[in-house]
PDB file of N, CA and C in Angstrom:
ATOM      1  N   MET A   1     -60.369 207.416 -37.169  1.00  0.00           N
ATOM      2  CA  MET A   1     -59.732 208.519 -37.837  1.00  0.00           C
ATOM      3  C   MET A   1     -60.122 209.822 -37.153  1.00  0.00           C
ATOM      4  N   PRO A   2     -59.174 210.588 -36.757  1.00  0.00           N
ATOM      5  CA  PRO A   2     -59.507 211.882 -36.154  1.00  0.00           C
ATOM      6  C   PRO A   2     -60.070 212.854 -37.199  1.00  0.00           C
ATOM      7  N   PHE A   3     -61.031 213.654 -36.804  1.00  0.00           N
ATOM      8  CA  PHE A   3     -61.533 214.698 -37.688  1.00  0.00           C
ATOM      9  C   PHE A   3     -60.365 215.616 -38.030  1.00  0.00           C
ATOM     10  N   GLY A   4     -60.345 216.102 -39.273  1.00  0.00           N
ATOM     11  CA  GLY A   4     -59.271 216.980 -39.715  1.00  0.00           C
ATOM     12  C   GLY A   4     -58.142 216.254 -40.412  1.00  0.00           C
ATOM     13  N   THR A   5     -58.176 214.912 -40.431  1.00  0.00           N
ATOM     14  CA  THR A   5     -57.139 214.141 -41.130  1.00  0.00           C
ATOM     15  C   THR A   5     -57.324 214.294 -42.635  1.00  0.00           C
ATOM     16  N   GLU A   6     -56.228 214.483 -43.365  1.00  0.00           N
ATOM     17  CA  GLU A   6     -56.279 214.592 -44.821  1.00  0.00           C
ATOM     18  C   GLU A   6     -56.899 213.330 -45.410  1.00  0.00           C
ATOM     19  N   ILE A   7     -57.821 213.496 -46.358  1.00  0.00           N
ATOM     20  CA  ILE A   7     -58.561 212.363 -46.908  1.00  0.00           C
ATOM     21  C   ILE A   7     -57.645 211.371 -47.627  1.00  0.00           C
ATOM     22  N   LEU A   8     -56.568 211.833 -48.263  1.00  0.00           N
ATOM     23  CA  LEU A   8     -55.642 210.908 -48.926  1.00  0.00           C
ATOM     24  C   LEU A   8     -54.929 210.013 -47.921  1.00  0.00           C
ATOM     25  N   SER A   9     -54.613 210.539 -46.761  1.00  0.00           N
ATOM     26  CA  SER A   9     -53.993 209.725 -45.702  1.00  0.00           C
ATOM     27  C   SER A   9     -54.977 208.684 -45.191  1.00  0.00           C
ATOM     28  N   VAL A  10     -56.230 209.088 -45.035  1.00  0.00           N
ATOM     29  CA  VAL A  10     -57.270 208.175 -44.571  1.00  0.00           C
ATOM     30  C   VAL A  10     -57.454 207.039 -45.577  1.00  0.00           C
ATOM     31  N   GLU A  11     -57.488 207.374 -46.861  1.00  0.00           N
ATOM     32  CA  GLU A  11     -57.668 206.348 -47.889  1.00  0.00           C
ATOM     33  C   GLU A  11     -56.532 205.324 -47.844  1.00  0.00           C
ATOM     34  N   ARG A  12     -55.310 205.782 -47.700  1.00  0.00           N
ATOM     35  CA  ARG A  12     -54.163 204.856 -47.610  1.00  0.00           C
ATOM     36  C   ARG A  12     -54.315 203.910 -46.420  1.00  0.00           C
ATOM     37  N   ILE A  13     -54.732 204.438 -45.288  1.00  0.00           N
ATOM     38  CA  ILE A  13     -54.902 203.615 -44.084  1.00  0.00           C
ATOM     39  C   ILE A  13     -56.011 202.588 -44.294  1.00  0.00           C
ATOM     40  N   MET A  14     -57.131 203.011 -44.875  1.00  0.00           N
ATOM     41  CA  MET A  14     -58.241 202.091 -45.099  1.00  0.00           C
ATOM     42  C   MET A  14     -57.848 200.984 -46.080  1.00  0.00           C
ATOM     43  N   LEU A  15     -57.169 201.336 -47.162  1.00  0.00           N
ATOM     44  CA  LEU A  15     -56.719 200.329 -48.131  1.00  0.00           C
ATOM     45  C   LEU A  15     -55.758 199.340 -47.479  1.00  0.00           C
ATOM     46  N   LYS A  16     -54.865 199.832 -46.654  1.00  0.00           N
ATOM     47  CA  LYS A  16     -53.909 198.989 -45.950  1.00  0.00           C
ATOM     48  C   LYS A  16     -54.619 197.994 -45.023  1.00  0.00           C
ATOM     49  N   ASN A  17     -55.818 198.345 -44.557  1.00  0.00           N
ATOM     50  CA  ASN A  17     -56.580 197.490 -43.648  1.00  0.00           C
ATOM     51  C   ASN A  17     -57.652 196.664 -44.362  1.00  0.00           C
ATOM     52  N   GLY A  18     -57.490 196.484 -45.673  1.00  0.00           N
ATOM     53  CA  GLY A  18     -58.345 195.571 -46.406  1.00  0.00           C
ATOM     54  C   GLY A  18     -59.635 196.143 -46.962  1.00  0.00           C
ATOM     55  N   PHE A  19     -59.815 197.446 -46.927  1.00  0.00           N
ATOM     56  CA  PHE A  19     -61.009 198.070 -47.475  1.00  0.00           C
ATOM     57  C   PHE A  19     -60.779 198.429 -48.938  1.00  0.00           C
ATOM     58  N   SER A  20     -61.848 198.451 -49.713  1.00  0.00           N
ATOM     59  CA  SER A  20     -61.815 199.063 -51.039  1.00  0.00           C
ATOM     60  C   SER A  20     -62.524 200.409 -50.887  1.00  0.00           C
ATOM     61  N   CYS A  21     -62.015 201.432 -51.558  1.00  0.00           N
ATOM     62  CA  CYS A  21     -62.538 202.785 -51.359  1.00  0.00           C
ATOM     63  C   CYS A  21     -62.695 203.528 -52.674  1.00  0.00           C
ATOM     64  N   HIS A  22     -63.651 204.450 -52.709  1.00  0.00           N
ATOM     65  CA  HIS A  22     -63.778 205.397 -53.808  1.00  0.00           C
ATOM     66  C   HIS A  22     -64.512 206.643 -53.299  1.00  0.00           C
ATOM     67  N   VAL A  23     -64.301 207.746 -54.002  1.00  0.00           N
ATOM     68  CA  VAL A  23     -64.901 209.021 -53.610  1.00  0.00           C
ATOM     69  C   VAL A  23     -66.273 209.177 -54.271  1.00  0.00           C
ATOM     70  N   ASN A  24     -67.245 209.618 -53.500  1.00  0.00           N
ATOM     71  CA  ASN A  24     -68.579 209.965 -53.999  1.00  0.00           C
ATOM     72  C   ASN A  24     -68.800 211.451 -53.736  1.00  0.00           C
ATOM     73  N   LEU A  25     -69.190 212.180 -54.770  1.00  0.00           N
ATOM     74  CA  LEU A  25     -69.446 213.615 -54.630  1.00  0.00           C
ATOM     75  C   LEU A  25     -70.941 213.886 -54.749  1.00  0.00           C
ATOM     76  N   ALA A  26     -71.471 214.636 -53.800  1.00  0.00           N
ATOM     77  CA  ALA A  26     -72.898 215.016 -53.768  1.00  0.00           C
ATOM     78  C   ALA A  26     -73.797 213.793 -53.897  1.00  0.00           C
ATOM     79  N   LYS A  27     -73.509 212.768 -53.112  1.00  0.00           N
ATOM     80  CA  LYS A  27     -74.277 211.515 -53.128  1.00  0.00           C
ATOM     81  C   LYS A  27     -74.896 211.272 -51.754  1.00  0.00           C
ATOM     82  N   ALA A  28     -75.756 210.264 -51.692  1.00  0.00           N
ATOM     83  CA  ALA A  28     -76.393 209.877 -50.431  1.00  0.00           C
ATOM     84  C   ALA A  28     -75.658 208.692 -49.821  1.00  0.00           C
ATOM     85  N   PHE A  29     -75.687 208.608 -48.497  1.00  0.00           N
ATOM     86  CA  PHE A  29     -75.202 207.437 -47.762  1.00  0.00           C
ATOM     87  C   PHE A  29     -76.309 207.067 -46.793  1.00  0.00           C
ATOM     88  N   GLU A  30     -76.781 205.830 -46.888  1.00  0.00           N
ATOM     89  CA  GLU A  30     -77.902 205.398 -46.055  1.00  0.00           C
ATOM     90  C   GLU A  30     -77.472 204.334 -45.063  1.00  0.00           C
ATOM     91  N   LYS A  31     -77.900 204.533 -43.823  1.00  0.00           N
ATOM     92  CA  LYS A  31     -77.790 203.517 -42.785  1.00  0.00           C
ATOM     93  C   LYS A  31     -79.200 202.991 -42.565  1.00  0.00           C
ATOM     94  N   ARG A  32     -79.348 201.984 -41.763  1.00  0.00           N
ATOM     95  CA  ARG A  32     -80.675 201.396 -41.567  1.00  0.00           C
ATOM     96  C   ARG A  32     -81.715 202.404 -41.109  1.00  0.00           C
ATOM     97  N   THR A  33     -81.340 203.314 -40.248  1.00  0.00           N
ATOM     98  CA  THR A  33     -82.327 204.216 -39.645  1.00  0.00           C
ATOM     99  C   THR A  33     -82.192 205.670 -40.081  1.00  0.00           C
ATOM    100  N   GLU A  34     -81.223 205.978 -40.925  1.00  0.00           N
ATOM    101  CA  GLU A  34     -81.039 207.371 -41.312  1.00  0.00           C
ATOM    102  C   GLU A  34     -80.415 207.478 -42.698  1.00  0.00           C
ATOM    103  N   ALA A  35     -80.667 208.595 -43.353  1.00  0.00           N
ATOM    104  CA  ALA A  35     -80.093 208.862 -44.670  1.00  0.00           C
ATOM    105  C   ALA A  35     -79.406 210.225 -44.648  1.00  0.00           C
ATOM    106  N   HIS A  36     -78.293 210.294 -45.317  1.00  0.00           N
ATOM    107  CA  HIS A  36     -77.542 211.542 -45.448  1.00  0.00           C
ATOM    108  C   HIS A  36     -77.447 211.830 -46.942  1.00  0.00           C
ATOM    109  N   ASN A  37     -77.999 212.950 -47.377  1.00  0.00           N
ATOM    110  CA  ASN A  37     -78.091 213.270 -48.795  1.00  0.00           C
ATOM    111  C   ASN A  37     -77.122 214.362 -49.206  1.00  0.00           C
ATOM    112  N   LEU A  38     -76.677 214.267 -50.454  1.00  0.00           N
ATOM    113  CA  LEU A  38     -75.839 215.285 -51.080  1.00  0.00           C
ATOM    114  C   LEU A  38     -74.606 215.639 -50.262  1.00  0.00           C
ATOM    115  N   ILE A  39     -73.867 214.609 -49.887  1.00  0.00           N
ATOM    116  CA  ILE A  39     -72.610 214.828 -49.176  1.00  0.00           C
ATOM    117  C   ILE A  39     -71.455 214.302 -50.018  1.00  0.00           C
ATOM    118  N   ASP A  40     -70.286 214.879 -49.832  1.00  0.00           N
ATOM    119  CA  ASP A  40     -69.057 214.387 -50.456  1.00  0.00           C
ATOM    120  C   ASP A  40     -68.379 213.483 -49.438  1.00  0.00           C
ATOM    121  N   TYR A  41     -68.039 212.261 -49.868  1.00  0.00           N
ATOM    122  CA  TYR A  41     -67.433 211.341 -48.910  1.00  0.00           C
ATOM    123  C   TYR A  41     -66.575 210.281 -49.588  1.00  0.00           C
ATOM    124  N   LEU A  42     -65.660 209.755 -48.817  1.00  0.00           N
ATOM    125  CA  LEU A  42     -64.868 208.598 -49.219  1.00  0.00           C
ATOM    126  C   LEU A  42     -65.620 207.380 -48.721  1.00  0.00           C
ATOM    127  N   TYR A  43     -66.110 206.568 -49.660  1.00  0.00           N
ATOM    128  CA  TYR A  43     -66.846 205.350 -49.303  1.00  0.00           C
ATOM    129  C   TYR A  43     -65.851 204.203 -49.246  1.00  0.00           C
ATOM    130  N   CYS A  44     -65.835 203.485 -48.129  1.00  0.00           N
ATOM    131  CA  CYS A  44     -64.955 202.330 -47.966  1.00  0.00           C
ATOM    132  C   CYS A  44     -65.780 201.128 -47.535  1.00  0.00           C
ATOM    133  N   ASN A  45     -65.470 199.973 -48.115  1.00  0.00           N
ATOM    134  CA  ASN A  45     -66.230 198.753 -47.893  1.00  0.00           C
ATOM    135  C   ASN A  45     -65.265 197.591 -47.679  1.00  0.00           C
ATOM    136  N   ARG A  46     -65.614 196.693 -46.743  1.00  0.00           N
ATOM    137  CA  ARG A  46     -64.831 195.472 -46.535  1.00  0.00           C
ATOM    138  C   ARG A  46     -65.788 194.353 -46.170  1.00  0.00           C
ATOM    139  N   GLU A  47     -65.595 193.198 -46.801  1.00  0.00           N
ATOM    140  CA  GLU A  47     -66.394 192.025 -46.486  1.00  0.00           C
ATOM    141  C   GLU A  47     -65.457 190.874 -46.158  1.00  0.00           C
ATOM    142  N   GLU A  48     -65.874 190.047 -45.189  1.00  0.00           N
ATOM    143  CA  GLU A  48     -65.072 188.872 -44.827  1.00  0.00           C
ATOM    144  C   GLU A  48     -66.009 187.739 -44.442  1.00  0.00           C
ATOM    145  N   GLY A  49     -65.617 186.517 -44.832  1.00  0.00           N
ATOM    146  CA  GLY A  49     -66.415 185.335 -44.524  1.00  0.00           C
ATOM    147  C   GLY A  49     -67.152 184.806 -45.731  1.00  0.00           C
ATOM    148  N   PHE A  50     -67.530 183.514 -45.668  1.00  0.00           N
ATOM    149  CA  PHE A  50     -68.280 182.885 -46.747  1.00  0.00           C
ATOM    150  C   PHE A  50     -69.031 181.693 -46.191  1.00  0.00           C
ATOM    151  N   PRO A  51     -70.230 181.369 -46.566  1.00  0.00           N
ATOM    152  CA  PRO A  51     -71.074 182.024 -47.555  1.00  0.00           C
ATOM    153  C   PRO A  51     -71.760 183.273 -47.011  1.00  0.00           C
ATOM    154  N   VAL A  52     -71.866 183.396 -45.710  1.00  0.00           N
ATOM    155  CA  VAL A  52     -72.390 184.631 -45.117  1.00  0.00           C
ATOM    156  C   VAL A  52     -71.187 185.484 -44.720  1.00  0.00           C
ATOM    157  N   SER A  53     -71.199 186.719 -45.151  1.00  0.00           N
ATOM    158  CA  SER A  53     -70.052 187.574 -44.851  1.00  0.00           C
ATOM    159  C   SER A  53     -70.463 188.733 -43.947  1.00  0.00           C
ATOM    160  N   ARG A  54     -69.500 189.162 -43.160  1.00  0.00           N
ATOM    161  CA  ARG A  54     -69.685 190.361 -42.343  1.00  0.00           C
ATOM    162  C   ARG A  54     -69.236 191.531 -43.214  1.00  0.00           C
ATOM    163  N   ARG A  55     -70.074 192.543 -43.305  1.00  0.00           N
ATOM    164  CA  ARG A  55     -69.791 193.681 -44.171  1.00  0.00           C
ATOM    165  C   ARG A  55     -69.635 194.947 -43.343  1.00  0.00           C
ATOM    166  N   TYR A  56     -68.557 195.663 -43.619  1.00  0.00           N
ATOM    167  CA  TYR A  56     -68.277 196.935 -42.961  1.00  0.00           C
ATOM    168  C   TYR A  56     -68.289 198.025 -44.030  1.00  0.00           C
ATOM    169  N   GLN A  57     -69.054 199.084 -43.789  1.00  0.00           N
ATOM    170  CA  GLN A  57     -69.120 200.203 -44.721  1.00  0.00           C
ATOM    171  C   GLN A  57     -68.908 201.488 -43.947  1.00  0.00           C
ATOM    172  N   SER A  58     -68.182 202.407 -44.561  1.00  0.00           N
ATOM    173  CA  SER A  58     -68.007 203.707 -43.918  1.00  0.00           C
ATOM    174  C   SER A  58     -68.055 204.813 -44.964  1.00  0.00           C
ATOM    175  N   ALA A  59     -68.557 205.931 -44.539  1.00  0.00           N
ATOM    176  CA  ALA A  59     -68.561 207.150 -45.347  1.00  0.00           C
ATOM    177  C   ALA A  59     -67.800 208.190 -44.539  1.00  0.00           C
ATOM    178  N   LEU A  60     -66.624 208.526 -45.007  1.00  0.00           N
ATOM    179  CA  LEU A  60     -65.803 209.527 -44.337  1.00  0.00           C
ATOM    180  C   LEU A  60     -66.073 210.847 -45.051  1.00  0.00           C
ATOM    181  N   VAL A  61     -66.880 211.679 -44.415  1.00  0.00           N
ATOM    182  CA  VAL A  61     -67.359 212.913 -45.034  1.00  0.00           C
ATOM    183  C   VAL A  61     -66.188 213.883 -45.225  1.00  0.00           C
ATOM    184  N   ILE A  62     -66.127 214.439 -46.438  1.00  0.00           N
ATOM    185  CA  ILE A  62     -65.015 215.310 -46.826  1.00  0.00           C
ATOM    186  C   ILE A  62     -65.451 216.772 -46.812  1.00  0.00           C
ATOM    187  N   ARG A  63     -64.648 217.588 -46.155  1.00  0.00           N
ATOM    188  CA  ARG A  63     -64.821 219.045 -46.216  1.00  0.00           C
ATOM    189  C   ARG A  63     -63.426 219.654 -46.294  1.00  0.00           C
ATOM    190  N   ASP A  64     -63.182 220.416 -47.340  1.00  0.00           N
ATOM    191  CA  ASP A  64     -61.870 221.042 -47.564  1.00  0.00           C
ATOM    192  C   ASP A  64     -60.744 220.011 -47.594  1.00  0.00           C
ATOM    193  N   GLY A  65     -61.018 218.830 -48.177  1.00  0.00           N
ATOM    194  CA  GLY A  65     -59.986 217.798 -48.328  1.00  0.00           C
ATOM    195  C   GLY A  65     -59.667 217.023 -47.073  1.00  0.00           C
ATOM    196  N   LYS A  66     -60.465 217.221 -46.028  1.00  0.00           N
ATOM    197  CA  LYS A  66     -60.207 216.566 -44.749  1.00  0.00           C
ATOM    198  C   LYS A  66     -61.471 215.887 -44.231  1.00  0.00           C
ATOM    199  N   VAL A  67     -61.289 214.926 -43.339  1.00  0.00           N
ATOM    200  CA  VAL A  67     -62.427 214.237 -42.727  1.00  0.00           C
ATOM    201  C   VAL A  67     -63.127 215.190 -41.762  1.00  0.00           C
ATOM    202  N   SER A  68     -64.447 215.373 -41.987  1.00  0.00           N
ATOM    203  CA  SER A  68     -65.205 216.241 -41.089  1.00  0.00           C
ATOM    204  C   SER A  68     -66.246 215.464 -40.277  1.00  0.00           C
ATOM    205  N   TRP A  69     -66.563 214.240 -40.713  1.00  0.00           N
ATOM    206  CA  TRP A  69     -67.546 213.416 -40.026  1.00  0.00           C
ATOM    207  C   TRP A  69     -67.381 211.987 -40.504  1.00  0.00           C
ATOM    208  N   ILE A  70     -67.775 211.017 -39.684  1.00  0.00           N
ATOM    209  CA  ILE A  70     -67.659 209.614 -40.074  1.00  0.00           C
ATOM    210  C   ILE A  70     -68.991 208.916 -39.828  1.00  0.00           C
ATOM    211  N   LEU A  71     -69.496 208.266 -40.872  1.00  0.00           N
ATOM    212  CA  LEU A  71     -70.724 207.467 -40.786  1.00  0.00           C
ATOM    213  C   LEU A  71     -70.329 206.012 -41.003  1.00  0.00           C
ATOM    214  N   VAL A  72     -70.849 205.113 -40.176  1.00  0.00           N
ATOM    215  CA  VAL A  72     -70.459 203.705 -40.235  1.00  0.00           C
ATOM    216  C   VAL A  72     -71.687 202.821 -40.258  1.00  0.00           C
ATOM    217  N   SER A  73     -71.604 201.751 -41.033  1.00  0.00           N
ATOM    218  CA  SER A  73     -72.655 200.739 -41.086  1.00  0.00           C
ATOM    219  C   SER A  73     -71.993 199.376 -41.129  1.00  0.00           C
ATOM    220  N   LYS A  74     -72.577 198.409 -40.418  1.00  0.00           N
ATOM    221  CA  LYS A  74     -72.057 197.039 -40.486  1.00  0.00           C
ATOM    222  C   LYS A  74     -73.229 196.077 -40.454  1.00  0.00           C
ATOM    223  N   GLY A  75     -73.000 194.881 -40.997  1.00  0.00           N
ATOM    224  CA  GLY A  75     -74.067 193.898 -41.023  1.00  0.00           C
ATOM    225  C   GLY A  75     -73.622 192.626 -41.682  1.00  0.00           C
ATOM    226  N   LEU A  76     -74.559 191.727 -41.881  1.00  0.00           N
ATOM    227  CA  LEU A  76     -74.286 190.446 -42.525  1.00  0.00           C
ATOM    228  C   LEU A  76     -74.878 190.455 -43.929  1.00  0.00           C
ATOM    229  N   ALA A  77     -74.172 189.813 -44.860  1.00  0.00           N
ATOM    230  CA  ALA A  77     -74.650 189.703 -46.242  1.00  0.00           C
ATOM    231  C   ALA A  77     -74.488 188.256 -46.697  1.00  0.00           C
ATOM    232  N   GLY A  78     -75.468 187.779 -47.417  1.00  0.00           N
ATOM    233  CA  GLY A  78     -75.370 186.419 -47.941  1.00  0.00           C
ATOM    234  C   GLY A  78     -76.716 185.823 -48.225  1.00  0.00           C
ATOM    235  N   PRO A  79     -76.706 184.517 -48.560  1.00  0.00           N
ATOM    236  CA  PRO A  79     -77.958 183.858 -48.922  1.00  0.00           C
ATOM    237  C   PRO A  79     -78.922 183.724 -47.774  1.00  0.00           C
TER     238      PRO A  79
END
């Protein structure tokens, strides 16, 4: 997603690609090695596979209704 894209357009694209999304206001987003606190972002998550699934998470940081930064995390989840 290019920076400056309207967040509603980004959400539609992410949903179309199998992600579930919701907006978080003044919340933290943590990756394995870093934490980002008190940011507004569209959180999107997608998991695929069983019993171990590959998980994709993204925080599309919102400023003035548009994407200003993108944080991404991926990994494996399961027993």
